[in-house]
């Protein structure tokens, strides 16, 4: 009975959010409660009350939610203060009129801005800075959109980007344990994207030849960052850069929990750049639109995972999955999950995959000695392809800014996104992020 109810809960949750009958926030809250009540009636109650199950789930994901909230606020303040503006100007002046350098510069800019983990911000800043240059040189904006999205797909694997936090929340593991070993694989994937960008640039150079930009006072006429609201803090740029470097170093070294580090970082950043209390409130309010949807879904996911685990549904579902899984494939569940993440996260939302499918796969993989942390890492492989999904709102923003057709963008980018996923998979196996073959026979 628990197996049937468990699968029913996952299917109901996925169907409701994929058909847009309910938002992920509402579905993550109401669906598990409804199925927990049905399960309680069917089995005659549980040792733990449904109330305690929900509170247990919320308590376990609270640090992840706090980390996400303050990470988004921190990078929002840094963007407001203009930390990345010199990089934008430097890249624009360095690339000159060479299409190959322009595409590589676009990738570098997208990687730097993508550090904040928000695809929409990466798209807006990169496209607003680089698109005028592409239009002036008659370069193909489709290539700019593709390179920008690929960079965002890899940089989005930071714990504050979303997928890593979802995977860690769904499997109740520390996001730090999932992310830090992933960094070498991300570096290799980003290097592959740079090589791809250069290759595209060579093709554009051959198609267009070397063109000369219009000049202004002897220098190329390049766009400059606007500061209509008086938020930029150019005098504090080096201090902001040092603060960000110190924060990243502390994160890598694990000096304190990520949630605490980002709380401290945001407090220092907002006090340093905007000492006026009214302006501090305005900065928080300005970024609340990015914070609230992410954090609220994470807290709701605590209810979902708390009920799914504490009712015994996950265990029952995994046992049924093992029963039908060919024994020869069981030890390869980590790799199967990595490969499945490409189509799964394309045709369904991240919420549906990470909170609905991944826990079942992970519980089944445990029988072969594959840990939840390893399964969380495997589930992240498909993220570059996920961003091509029509279920991702930020992708519509990207194609609108680039002024290209969505279908043409998908056709052009899909093969390259799949190649980046392949690089991530090979690196993950080479670096031992998850095993090719499980360590033990099924229990």
Protein backbone atom coordinates (compact mmCIF):
# COMPACT_ATOMS: atom_id res chain seq x y z
CA UNK A 1 0.00 0.00 0.00
CA UNK A 2 2.80 2.44 0.87
CA UNK A 3 4.40 1.68 -2.49
CA UNK A 4 1.20 2.54 -4.36
CA UNK A 5 0.63 5.70 -2.32
CA UNK A 6 4.27 6.74 -2.73
CA UNK A 7 4.21 6.45 -6.49
CA UNK A 8 0.77 8.05 -6.51
CA UNK A 9 2.10 11.03 -4.57
CA UNK A 10 5.03 11.49 -6.95
CA UNK A 11 2.84 11.14 -10.06
CA UNK A 12 0.21 13.50 -8.67
CA UNK A 13 2.84 16.07 -7.75
CA UNK A 14 4.53 15.89 -11.16
CA UNK A 15 1.25 15.98 -13.07
CA UNK A 16 -0.08 18.97 -11.16
CA UNK A 17 2.99 21.12 -11.70
CA UNK A 18 3.67 20.02 -15.29
CA UNK A 19 0.07 20.77 -16.31
CA UNK A 20 0.29 24.03 -14.34
CA UNK A 21 -2.73 23.16 -12.23
CA UNK A 22 -0.70 24.06 -9.13
CA UNK A 23 2.53 25.92 -8.55
CA UNK A 24 5.49 23.90 -7.16
CA UNK A 25 5.10 25.72 -3.84
CA UNK A 26 1.45 24.76 -3.42
CA UNK A 27 1.92 21.22 -4.77
CA UNK A 28 4.90 20.51 -2.50
CA UNK A 29 2.81 21.56 0.48
CA UNK A 30 -0.65 20.10 -0.17
CA UNK A 31 0.04 16.88 -2.11
CA UNK A 32 2.21 15.17 0.55
CA UNK A 33 -0.19 16.13 3.35
CA UNK A 34 -3.11 14.63 1.41
CA UNK A 35 -1.24 11.39 0.72
CA UNK A 36 0.09 11.20 4.28
CA UNK A 37 -3.51 11.28 5.55
CA UNK A 38 -4.46 8.53 3.08
CA UNK A 39 -1.44 6.45 4.12
CA UNK A 40 -2.24 6.90 7.80
CA UNK A 41 -5.79 5.70 7.25
CA UNK A 42 -4.59 2.76 5.14
CA UNK A 43 -1.95 1.42 7.56
CA UNK A 44 -3.62 2.45 10.79
CA UNK A 45 -1.29 5.32 11.69
CA UNK A 46 2.46 5.87 12.05
CA UNK A 47 4.87 5.94 14.96
CA UNK A 48 5.53 9.62 14.18
CA UNK A 49 2.72 12.13 13.70
CA UNK A 50 2.32 13.87 10.34
CA UNK A 51 2.98 17.16 12.12
CA UNK A 52 6.34 15.91 13.38
CA UNK A 53 7.21 14.52 9.94
CA UNK A 54 6.68 17.94 8.37
CA UNK A 55 8.65 19.74 11.08
CA UNK A 56 11.48 17.25 10.77
CA UNK A 57 11.69 17.86 7.02
CA UNK A 58 11.63 21.64 7.45
CA UNK A 59 14.32 21.57 10.15
CA UNK A 60 16.65 19.54 7.96
CA UNK A 61 16.41 21.85 4.94
CA UNK A 62 16.39 25.15 6.88
CA UNK A 63 20.18 25.70 6.54
CA UNK A 64 19.94 25.26 2.76
CA UNK A 65 17.08 27.76 2.52
CA UNK A 66 18.98 30.30 4.62
CA UNK A 67 22.09 29.85 2.48
CA UNK A 68 20.13 30.44 -0.73
CA UNK A 69 18.40 33.53 0.62
CA UNK A 70 21.54 35.31 1.72
CA UNK A 71 23.59 34.20 -1.30
CA UNK A 72 21.06 35.79 -3.66
CA UNK A 73 21.01 38.95 -1.54
CA UNK A 74 24.82 39.11 -1.40
CA UNK A 75 25.36 38.83 -5.14
CA UNK A 76 22.45 41.19 -5.76
CA UNK A 77 24.16 43.86 -3.66
CA UNK A 78 27.47 43.27 -5.46
CA UNK A 79 25.81 43.69 -8.85
CA UNK A 80 24.05 46.84 -7.63
CA UNK A 81 27.35 48.25 -6.36
CA UNK A 82 28.97 47.65 -9.75
CA UNK A 83 31.52 45.00 -8.77
CA UNK A 84 31.38 43.42 -12.23
CA UNK A 85 31.28 46.67 -14.26
CA UNK A 86 35.09 46.90 -14.74
CA UNK A 87 35.11 43.32 -15.97
CA UNK A 88 32.41 44.17 -18.50
CA UNK A 89 34.38 47.18 -19.76
CA UNK A 90 37.65 45.23 -19.78
CA UNK A 91 36.18 42.42 -21.84
CA UNK A 92 34.53 44.80 -24.26
CA UNK A 93 37.80 46.66 -24.84
CA UNK A 94 39.91 43.48 -24.95
CA UNK A 95 37.86 41.69 -27.60
CA UNK A 96 38.12 44.55 -30.08
CA UNK A 97 36.71 43.71 -33.50
CA UNK A 98 37.75 40.04 -33.68
CA UNK A 99 34.72 37.70 -33.69
CA UNK A 100 36.73 34.86 -32.10
CA UNK A 101 37.81 37.05 -29.16
CA UNK A 102 34.33 38.52 -28.89
CA UNK A 103 32.73 35.10 -28.42
CA UNK A 104 35.36 34.02 -25.90
CA UNK A 105 34.89 37.34 -24.07
CA UNK A 106 31.13 36.72 -24.02
CA UNK A 107 31.73 33.35 -22.38
CA UNK A 108 34.12 34.80 -19.78
CA UNK A 109 31.61 37.53 -18.91
CA UNK A 110 28.75 35.01 -18.60
CA UNK A 111 30.90 32.83 -16.33
CA UNK A 112 31.77 35.74 -14.07
CA UNK A 113 28.21 37.03 -13.81
CA UNK A 114 26.94 33.46 -13.49
CA UNK A 115 28.71 33.23 -10.15
CA UNK A 116 25.53 34.62 -8.57
CA UNK A 117 23.67 31.47 -9.66
CA UNK A 118 20.78 33.37 -11.22
CA UNK A 119 20.28 32.71 -14.93
CA UNK A 120 18.11 35.77 -15.48
CA UNK A 121 20.79 38.10 -14.11
CA UNK A 122 23.48 36.41 -16.21
CA UNK A 123 21.38 36.77 -19.35
CA UNK A 124 20.45 40.39 -18.74
CA UNK A 125 23.97 41.63 -17.97
CA UNK A 126 25.76 39.58 -20.64
CA UNK A 127 23.29 40.34 -23.42
CA UNK A 128 22.95 44.03 -22.58
CA UNK A 129 26.76 44.38 -22.61
CA UNK A 130 27.61 42.27 -25.65
CA UNK A 131 24.61 42.37 -28.01
CA UNK A 132 25.26 45.93 -29.27
CA UNK A 133 28.72 44.78 -30.30
CA UNK A 134 27.30 41.76 -32.14
CA UNK A 135 24.77 43.94 -33.94
CA UNK A 136 27.41 46.47 -34.91
CA UNK A 137 29.61 43.74 -36.40
CA UNK A 138 26.65 41.81 -37.88
CA UNK A 139 27.59 38.72 -35.83
CA UNK A 140 24.99 35.99 -35.25
CA UNK A 141 23.21 36.64 -31.91
CA UNK A 142 22.24 32.95 -31.81
CA UNK A 143 25.84 32.13 -31.00
CA UNK A 144 25.89 34.69 -28.18
CA UNK A 145 22.72 33.18 -26.70
CA UNK A 146 24.09 29.63 -26.95
CA UNK A 147 27.43 30.41 -25.30
CA UNK A 148 25.73 32.42 -22.54
CA UNK A 149 23.27 29.62 -21.76
CA UNK A 150 25.98 26.95 -21.67
CA UNK A 151 28.01 29.01 -19.20
CA UNK A 152 24.92 29.54 -17.06
CA UNK A 153 24.14 25.81 -17.16
CA UNK A 154 27.50 25.02 -15.54
CA UNK A 155 27.73 28.00 -13.18
CA UNK A 156 24.20 27.25 -11.98
CA UNK A 157 25.62 24.18 -10.23
CA UNK A 158 26.80 26.37 -7.35
CA UNK A 159 24.82 25.57 -4.17
CA UNK A 160 23.03 28.92 -4.33
CA UNK A 161 22.11 28.38 -7.98
CA UNK A 162 19.17 26.05 -7.36
CA UNK A 163 19.74 22.50 -8.71
CA UNK A 164 22.41 21.59 -6.16
CA UNK A 165 20.27 22.93 -3.34
CA UNK A 166 17.28 20.96 -4.61
CA UNK A 167 19.26 17.74 -4.92
CA UNK A 168 20.76 18.19 -1.46
CA UNK A 169 17.37 19.03 0.03
CA UNK A 170 15.65 16.06 -1.61
CA UNK A 171 18.29 13.62 -0.34
CA UNK A 172 18.93 15.39 2.98
CA UNK A 173 22.65 15.88 2.45
CA UNK A 174 24.94 18.87 2.91
CA UNK A 175 25.14 21.03 -0.27
CA UNK A 176 28.82 21.60 0.48
CA UNK A 177 29.55 17.86 0.21
CA UNK A 178 27.76 17.79 -3.14
CA UNK A 179 29.35 20.91 -4.62
CA UNK A 180 32.99 21.18 -3.55
CA UNK A 181 34.19 17.92 -5.17
CA UNK A 182 32.28 19.00 -8.30
CA UNK A 183 34.46 22.09 -8.85
CA UNK A 184 37.19 20.35 -10.94
CA UNK A 185 34.57 18.89 -13.28
CA UNK A 186 32.97 22.33 -13.62
CA UNK A 187 36.35 23.88 -14.46
CA UNK A 188 36.93 21.34 -17.24
CA UNK A 189 33.40 21.89 -18.58
CA UNK A 190 33.93 25.67 -18.60
CA UNK A 191 37.22 25.18 -20.46
CA UNK A 192 35.34 23.10 -23.03
CA UNK A 193 32.81 25.92 -23.43
CA UNK A 194 35.63 28.41 -24.00
CA UNK A 195 37.05 26.14 -26.70
CA UNK A 196 33.59 25.86 -28.26
CA UNK A 197 33.17 29.66 -28.14
CA UNK A 198 36.53 30.15 -29.84
CA UNK A 199 35.60 27.66 -32.55
CA UNK A 200 32.32 29.47 -33.16
CA UNK A 201 34.25 32.73 -33.28
CA UNK A 202 36.59 31.37 -35.92
CA UNK A 203 33.57 30.46 -38.02
CA UNK A 204 32.18 33.97 -37.58
CA UNK A 205 35.57 35.48 -38.42
CA UNK A 206 35.65 33.47 -41.65
CA UNK A 207 32.08 34.48 -42.48
CA UNK A 208 32.48 38.18 -41.73
CA UNK A 209 36.18 38.93 -41.92
CA UNK A 210 37.77 41.49 -39.60
CA UNK A 211 35.59 44.57 -39.23
CA UNK A 212 36.38 47.88 -37.59
CA UNK A 213 34.21 49.32 -34.85
CA UNK A 214 33.06 52.94 -35.03
CA UNK A 215 35.28 55.07 -32.80
CA UNK A 216 34.64 57.85 -30.32
CA UNK A 217 37.63 60.08 -29.43
CA UNK A 218 39.96 57.48 -30.88
CA UNK A 219 38.51 54.58 -28.87
CA UNK A 220 35.89 51.98 -29.85
CA UNK A 221 32.36 53.18 -29.11
CA UNK A 222 31.36 50.63 -26.47
CA UNK A 223 28.33 50.60 -24.17
CA UNK A 224 28.84 51.73 -20.60
CA UNK A 225 27.02 50.56 -17.46
CA UNK A 226 24.17 52.85 -16.45
CA UNK A 227 23.68 54.16 -12.92
CA UNK A 228 20.33 55.87 -13.07
CA UNK A 229 19.58 55.10 -9.41
CA UNK A 230 22.95 56.13 -7.98
CA UNK A 231 23.71 52.62 -6.69
CA UNK A 232 27.22 52.16 -8.07
CA UNK A 233 30.10 52.31 -5.61
CA UNK A 234 33.26 52.59 -7.77
CA UNK A 235 35.43 53.70 -4.82
CA UNK A 236 34.58 50.46 -2.97
CA UNK A 237 35.22 48.15 -5.92
CA UNK A 238 38.49 46.68 -4.62
CA UNK A 239 37.06 46.23 -1.15
CA UNK A 240 34.03 44.47 -2.63
CA UNK A 241 36.30 42.26 -4.71
CA UNK A 242 38.41 41.33 -1.67
CA UNK A 243 35.26 40.64 0.34
CA UNK A 244 33.94 38.34 -2.39
CA UNK A 245 37.29 36.57 -2.71
CA UNK A 246 37.44 36.07 1.06
CA UNK A 247 33.89 34.71 1.06
CA UNK A 248 34.63 32.25 -1.78
CA UNK A 249 37.80 31.12 -0.02
CA UNK A 250 35.94 30.55 3.24
CA UNK A 251 33.28 28.57 1.37
CA UNK A 252 35.85 26.30 -0.27
CA UNK A 253 37.74 25.78 2.99
CA UNK A 254 34.50 25.16 4.88
CA UNK A 255 35.45 27.53 7.72
CA UNK A 256 31.79 27.92 8.68
CA UNK A 257 28.51 26.55 7.34
CA UNK A 258 27.52 28.12 4.02
CA UNK A 259 24.40 29.67 5.52
CA UNK A 260 26.43 31.47 8.18
CA UNK A 261 29.10 32.62 5.73
CA UNK A 262 26.57 34.16 3.38
CA UNK A 263 24.73 35.82 6.25
CA UNK A 264 28.00 37.39 7.39
CA UNK A 265 28.94 38.29 3.81
CA UNK A 266 25.62 39.98 3.08
CA UNK A 267 25.68 41.92 6.36
CA UNK A 268 29.20 43.19 5.58
CA UNK A 269 28.37 43.98 1.95
CA UNK A 270 25.17 45.92 2.56
CA UNK A 271 26.66 47.83 5.50
CA UNK A 272 29.78 48.70 3.55
CA UNK A 273 28.06 49.80 0.34
CA UNK A 274 24.78 51.19 1.65
CA UNK A 275 25.18 52.40 5.26
CA UNK A 276 21.88 54.30 5.07
CA UNK A 277 19.16 52.14 6.69
CA UNK A 278 16.49 53.21 4.20
CA UNK A 279 18.69 52.21 1.28
CA UNK A 280 19.47 48.87 2.92
CA UNK A 281 15.75 48.15 3.10
CA UNK A 282 15.36 49.16 -0.54
CA UNK A 283 18.16 46.76 -1.58
CA UNK A 284 16.49 43.87 0.26
CA UNK A 285 13.11 44.73 -1.26
CA UNK A 286 14.66 45.07 -4.74
CA UNK A 287 15.96 41.50 -4.61
CA UNK A 288 13.03 39.97 -2.75
CA UNK A 289 11.53 38.93 -6.08
CA UNK A 290 14.51 36.63 -6.68
CA UNK A 291 14.72 35.40 -3.08
CA UNK A 292 11.14 34.56 -2.20
CA UNK A 293 10.25 32.08 -4.99
CA UNK A 294 13.41 30.00 -4.42
CA UNK A 295 13.37 29.95 -0.62
CA UNK A 296 9.64 29.31 -0.31
CA UNK A 297 9.91 26.27 -2.61
CA UNK A 298 12.83 24.91 -0.56
CA UNK A 299 10.82 25.16 2.68
CA UNK A 300 7.81 23.52 1.04
CA UNK A 301 10.11 20.77 -0.20
CA UNK A 302 10.95 20.08 3.44
CA UNK A 303 7.34 19.02 3.99
CA UNK A 304 7.43 16.83 0.89
CA UNK A 305 10.68 15.05 1.74
CA UNK A 306 9.82 14.80 5.44
CA UNK A 307 6.58 12.96 4.71
CA UNK A 308 8.01 10.87 1.87
CA UNK A 309 10.82 9.61 4.10
CA UNK A 310 9.15 9.28 7.51
CA UNK A 311 6.05 7.46 6.26
CA UNK A 312 8.26 4.74 4.75
CA UNK A 313 7.08 5.52 1.23
CA UNK A 314 10.58 6.03 -0.18
CA UNK A 315 11.79 2.72 1.20
CA UNK A 316 8.74 0.87 -0.15
CA UNK A 317 9.11 2.53 -3.56
CA UNK A 318 12.79 1.70 -3.79
CA UNK A 319 12.15 -1.94 -2.95
CA UNK A 320 9.55 -2.17 -5.71
CA UNK A 321 11.95 -0.42 -8.10
CA UNK A 322 14.69 -2.92 -7.29
CA UNK A 323 12.25 -5.76 -7.86
CA UNK A 324 11.66 -4.75 -11.50
CA UNK A 325 15.16 -3.39 -12.25
CA UNK A 326 17.28 -5.92 -14.11
CA UNK A 327 19.94 -7.07 -11.69
CA UNK A 328 22.64 -6.38 -14.26
CA UNK A 329 21.75 -2.66 -14.33
CA UNK A 330 21.45 -2.07 -10.59
CA UNK A 331 25.14 -1.33 -9.96
CA UNK A 332 25.04 1.36 -12.68
CA UNK A 333 22.29 3.43 -11.06
CA UNK A 334 24.51 6.48 -10.56
CA UNK A 335 25.40 6.62 -14.27
CA UNK A 336 21.81 5.80 -15.23
CA UNK A 337 20.65 8.72 -13.09
CA UNK A 338 23.22 11.03 -14.71
CA UNK A 339 22.10 10.06 -18.22
CA UNK A 340 18.41 10.16 -17.29
CA UNK A 341 18.80 13.69 -15.90
CA UNK A 342 19.14 15.04 -19.46
CA UNK A 343 15.67 14.07 -20.77
CA UNK A 344 14.03 14.11 -17.34
CA UNK A 345 14.97 17.70 -16.51
CA UNK A 346 14.14 18.76 -20.08
CA UNK A 347 10.62 17.38 -20.09
CA UNK A 348 9.84 18.12 -16.45
CA UNK A 349 10.79 20.85 -14.05
CA UNK A 350 13.73 20.62 -11.65
CA UNK A 351 11.25 20.43 -8.78
CA UNK A 352 9.52 17.40 -10.28
CA UNK A 353 12.78 15.58 -10.95
CA UNK A 354 14.67 16.34 -7.75
CA UNK A 355 11.79 16.04 -5.30
CA UNK A 356 9.79 13.38 -7.13
CA UNK A 357 12.17 11.05 -8.97
CA UNK A 358 15.60 11.42 -7.37
CA UNK A 359 14.69 10.18 -3.86
CA UNK A 360 13.37 6.91 -5.31
CA UNK A 361 16.48 6.38 -7.43
CA UNK A 362 18.74 7.19 -4.49
CA UNK A 363 17.03 4.79 -2.13
CA UNK A 364 17.33 2.04 -4.73
CA UNK A 365 21.01 2.89 -5.36
CA UNK A 366 21.78 2.58 -1.66
CA UNK A 367 21.33 -1.19 -2.01
CA UNK A 368 24.40 -1.18 -4.26
CA UNK A 369 26.55 0.92 -1.94
CA UNK A 370 25.97 4.22 -3.81
CA UNK A 371 25.57 7.05 -1.29
CA UNK A 372 22.95 9.84 -1.43
CA UNK A 373 25.73 12.43 -1.92
CA UNK A 374 26.97 10.56 -4.99
CA UNK A 375 23.44 10.30 -6.38
CA UNK A 376 22.95 14.03 -5.81
CA UNK A 377 26.07 14.74 -7.87
CA UNK A 378 24.96 12.36 -10.62
CA UNK A 379 21.59 14.07 -10.85
CA UNK A 380 23.25 17.42 -11.71
CA UNK A 381 24.86 16.23 -14.96
CA UNK A 382 21.88 17.17 -17.15
CA UNK A 383 21.57 20.83 -16.12
CA UNK A 384 23.06 22.34 -19.32
CA UNK A 385 20.31 20.57 -21.29
CA UNK A 386 17.67 21.48 -18.70
CA UNK A 387 18.04 25.18 -19.49
CA UNK A 388 16.83 24.51 -23.05
CA UNK A 389 13.51 23.26 -21.69
CA UNK A 390 10.38 25.28 -22.50
CA UNK A 391 9.58 24.91 -18.78
CA UNK A 392 12.42 27.32 -17.84
CA UNK A 393 11.16 30.93 -17.75
CA UNK A 394 14.64 32.47 -17.88
CA UNK A 395 15.26 30.89 -21.30
CA UNK A 396 12.41 32.92 -22.77
CA UNK A 397 14.12 36.02 -21.41
CA UNK A 398 17.38 34.97 -23.08
CA UNK A 399 15.88 34.46 -26.54
CA UNK A 400 13.89 37.68 -26.23
CA UNK A 401 17.02 39.67 -25.34
CA UNK A 402 18.98 38.02 -28.16
CA UNK A 403 16.08 38.54 -30.60
CA UNK A 404 16.18 34.95 -31.86
CA UNK A 405 13.48 32.30 -32.26
CA UNK A 406 13.10 29.81 -29.41
CA UNK A 407 12.94 26.78 -31.72
CA UNK A 408 16.02 27.88 -33.68
CA UNK A 409 17.87 28.43 -30.40
CA UNK A 410 16.97 24.93 -29.19
CA UNK A 411 18.02 23.27 -32.46
CA UNK A 412 21.35 25.09 -32.53
CA UNK A 413 22.26 24.67 -28.85
CA UNK A 414 21.01 21.17 -27.98
CA UNK A 415 23.95 19.26 -29.43
CA UNK A 416 26.46 21.51 -27.67
CA UNK A 417 24.59 21.33 -24.38
CA UNK A 418 24.60 17.53 -24.66
CA UNK A 419 28.34 17.62 -25.33
CA UNK A 420 28.92 19.72 -22.19
CA UNK A 421 26.86 17.21 -20.20
CA UNK A 422 29.09 14.47 -21.61
CA UNK A 423 32.19 16.35 -20.46
CA UNK A 424 30.70 16.72 -16.98
CA UNK A 425 29.86 13.00 -16.87
CA UNK A 426 33.33 11.86 -17.96
CA UNK A 427 35.00 14.24 -15.51
CA UNK A 428 32.69 13.14 -12.69
CA UNK A 429 33.65 9.52 -13.27
CA UNK A 430 37.34 10.36 -13.65
CA UNK A 431 37.38 12.40 -10.43
CA UNK A 432 35.38 9.80 -8.52
CA UNK A 433 32.35 12.00 -7.85
CA UNK A 434 30.16 8.93 -8.22
CA UNK A 435 30.99 5.33 -9.15
CA UNK A 436 30.56 3.74 -12.55
CA UNK A 437 29.65 0.48 -10.79
CA UNK A 438 28.16 0.10 -7.32
CA UNK A 439 30.35 -1.13 -4.51
CA UNK A 440 28.15 -3.98 -3.24
CA UNK A 441 25.52 -6.47 -4.25
CA UNK A 442 21.87 -5.62 -3.56
CA UNK A 443 20.70 -6.17 0.00
